[in-house]
Amino acid sequence: MLGASTKFVAIAVLAASLAACMTDSGDQGRGQGGLVYTDDRGVADQPFPADYRTQVLAFLRTYLNNPAGIRDAEMAEPVQRTVGGRRRYVNCLRYNAREIDGSYRGVAQRAIVYVDARLDRMIEKTDDLCAGAVYAPFPELEKLTR
């Protein structure tokens, strides 16, 4: 049987190991918060995300609590912007998602960042990233189902 101090050390080592695995995207020199899904190698010359519409739809199907019944969906084509000091393709998105109770809160604006032509993260506070974006209807998003 293990003593109390041995158990404490084992738990502390486990907690430290888990904490080391967790990072905040803002701590990685990226400047903007959000969920990060790809490794950022810092490559300056980024490829255009040709299938960005498909990637956005797949992401939002899992990101939104209720992807059905979205209204007022609009999206801008990806353009190069500086995010966290690095050139990235970013496209901006507006939508009005249905809440759990069936009501609508209002139009949300999000910026989507791509690394190596893959969706990397969605940024909720778009600030300057979406300034001057030219939006077009995004009917595919309004047709999403659960």
Protein backbone atom coordinates (compact mmCIF):
# COMPACT_ATOMS: atom_id res chain seq x y z
CA MET A 1 0.00 0.00 0.00
CA LEU A 2 1.16 3.49 -0.81
CA GLY A 3 1.58 6.08 1.91
CA ALA A 4 -0.34 9.35 1.89
CA SER A 5 2.73 11.34 0.83
CA THR A 6 3.39 8.99 -2.11
CA LYS A 7 -0.21 9.34 -3.26
CA PHE A 8 0.06 13.13 -2.98
CA VAL A 9 3.24 13.18 -5.08
CA ALA A 10 1.64 10.91 -7.71
CA ILE A 11 -1.41 13.17 -7.93
CA ALA A 12 0.76 16.31 -8.12
CA VAL A 13 2.87 14.82 -10.94
CA LEU A 14 -0.28 13.83 -12.84
CA ALA A 15 -1.79 17.30 -12.42
CA ALA A 16 1.45 18.97 -13.57
CA SER A 17 1.59 16.68 -16.60
CA LEU A 18 -1.98 17.53 -17.57
CA ALA A 19 -1.39 21.24 -17.02
CA ALA A 20 1.61 21.10 -19.34
CA CYS A 21 -0.61 19.67 -22.08
CA MET A 22 -3.09 22.53 -21.81
CA THR A 23 -2.23 25.82 -23.49
CA ASP A 24 -4.10 29.02 -24.12
CA SER A 25 -3.92 30.05 -27.78
CA GLY A 26 -3.09 33.58 -26.66
CA ASP A 27 0.09 32.27 -25.00
CA GLN A 28 1.48 30.97 -28.27
CA GLY A 29 2.28 34.36 -29.78
CA ARG A 30 -0.87 34.45 -31.82
CA GLY A 31 -2.35 37.52 -30.22
CA GLN A 32 -6.00 36.60 -30.77
CA GLY A 33 -7.94 34.18 -28.59
CA GLY A 34 -9.99 31.29 -29.88
CA LEU A 35 -9.90 27.57 -30.36
CA VAL A 36 -6.81 26.29 -32.19
CA TYR A 37 -6.93 23.06 -34.19
CA THR A 38 -3.75 22.99 -36.29
CA ASP A 39 -0.06 23.36 -35.55
CA ASP A 40 1.24 26.81 -36.52
CA ARG A 41 4.70 26.44 -38.02
CA GLY A 42 4.92 30.18 -38.70
CA VAL A 43 5.08 29.84 -42.48
CA ALA A 44 4.66 33.29 -44.04
CA ASP A 45 3.50 32.15 -47.50
CA GLN A 46 0.13 30.59 -46.78
CA PRO A 47 -1.89 28.72 -49.42
CA PHE A 48 -5.42 29.91 -50.20
CA PRO A 49 -8.05 27.70 -48.47
CA ALA A 50 -9.92 26.69 -51.63
CA ASP A 51 -12.51 24.57 -49.77
CA TYR A 52 -13.14 27.16 -47.04
CA ARG A 53 -16.93 26.97 -47.41
CA THR A 54 -16.94 23.23 -46.74
CA GLN A 55 -14.58 23.63 -43.80
CA VAL A 56 -16.73 26.36 -42.23
CA LEU A 57 -19.89 24.28 -42.58
CA ALA A 58 -18.26 21.21 -41.02
CA PHE A 59 -16.88 23.27 -38.14
CA LEU A 60 -20.14 25.10 -37.42
CA ARG A 61 -22.13 21.86 -37.46
CA THR A 62 -20.18 20.83 -34.36
CA TYR A 63 -19.51 24.31 -32.87
CA LEU A 64 -23.11 25.50 -32.66
CA ASN A 65 -25.46 24.05 -30.06
CA ASN A 66 -28.24 24.06 -32.64
CA PRO A 67 -27.05 24.39 -36.23
CA ALA A 68 -30.63 24.17 -37.59
CA GLY A 69 -32.63 27.29 -38.29
CA ILE A 70 -29.78 29.74 -38.85
CA ARG A 71 -30.85 33.05 -40.39
CA ASP A 72 -29.13 35.98 -42.07
CA ALA A 73 -26.00 33.97 -42.95
CA GLU A 74 -23.34 35.92 -44.84
CA MET A 75 -19.68 35.23 -45.45
CA ALA A 76 -16.76 37.10 -46.98
CA GLU A 77 -14.09 35.38 -49.06
CA PRO A 78 -10.77 34.77 -47.32
CA VAL A 79 -8.27 37.62 -47.50
CA GLN A 80 -4.79 37.87 -46.04
CA ARG A 81 -4.61 39.67 -42.71
CA THR A 82 -2.07 39.88 -39.93
CA VAL A 83 -3.11 37.75 -36.96
CA GLY A 84 -0.77 37.63 -33.99
CA GLY A 85 2.04 39.08 -36.09
CA ARG A 86 1.71 36.50 -38.88
CA ARG A 87 0.08 36.66 -42.31
CA ARG A 88 -2.95 34.38 -42.44
CA TYR A 89 -5.99 33.92 -44.60
CA VAL A 90 -9.04 35.12 -42.69
CA ASN A 91 -12.66 35.12 -43.70
CA CYS A 92 -15.48 36.77 -41.86
CA LEU A 93 -18.87 35.31 -41.14
CA ARG A 94 -22.19 36.70 -39.89
CA TYR A 95 -25.13 34.60 -38.79
CA ASN A 96 -28.11 34.58 -36.46
CA ALA A 97 -28.28 31.19 -34.74
CA ARG A 98 -31.31 29.86 -32.93
CA GLU A 99 -30.97 29.55 -29.18
CA ILE A 100 -31.94 26.41 -27.25
CA ASP A 101 -35.32 27.95 -26.39
CA GLY A 102 -36.02 28.65 -30.09
CA SER A 103 -35.43 32.41 -29.90
CA TYR A 104 -32.83 34.39 -31.83
CA ARG A 105 -30.28 36.53 -30.01
CA GLY A 106 -29.11 38.57 -33.00
CA VAL A 107 -26.46 38.49 -35.67
CA ALA A 108 -23.04 37.31 -34.53
CA GLN A 109 -19.87 38.22 -36.40
CA ARG A 110 -16.90 35.87 -36.35
CA ALA A 111 -13.47 35.73 -38.01
CA ILE A 112 -12.11 32.39 -39.16
CA VAL A 113 -8.35 31.95 -39.42
CA TYR A 114 -6.64 29.41 -41.71
CA VAL A 115 -3.17 27.89 -41.39
CA ASP A 116 -1.84 25.78 -44.26
CA ALA A 117 -5.25 26.14 -45.98
CA ARG A 118 -7.02 24.46 -43.04
CA LEU A 119 -9.43 26.05 -40.59
CA ASP A 120 -7.35 26.82 -37.52
CA ARG A 121 -9.66 28.77 -35.24
CA MET A 122 -12.69 31.00 -34.94
CA ILE A 123 -12.28 34.37 -33.29
CA GLU A 124 -15.33 35.90 -31.63
CA LYS A 125 -13.91 39.39 -31.14
CA THR A 126 -13.29 40.36 -34.75
CA ASP A 127 -12.15 43.96 -34.12
CA ASP A 128 -10.07 45.01 -37.16
CA LEU A 129 -9.99 41.56 -38.77
CA CYS A 130 -13.39 42.05 -40.41
CA ALA A 131 -13.14 45.78 -41.11
CA GLY A 132 -14.08 46.37 -44.75
CA ALA A 133 -15.16 42.77 -45.37
CA VAL A 134 -17.43 42.31 -48.37
CA TYR A 135 -20.16 39.87 -47.39
CA ALA A 136 -22.24 37.70 -49.70
CA PRO A 137 -25.17 35.43 -48.81
CA PHE A 138 -24.17 32.03 -47.42
CA PRO A 139 -27.34 29.95 -47.99
CA GLU A 140 -25.56 26.64 -47.28
CA LEU A 141 -25.23 27.67 -43.64
CA GLU A 142 -28.96 28.37 -43.39
CA LYS A 143 -29.64 24.81 -44.60
CA LEU A 144 -27.62 23.06 -41.89
CA THR A 145 -29.35 20.42 -39.80
CA ARG A 146 -28.41 18.60 -36.62
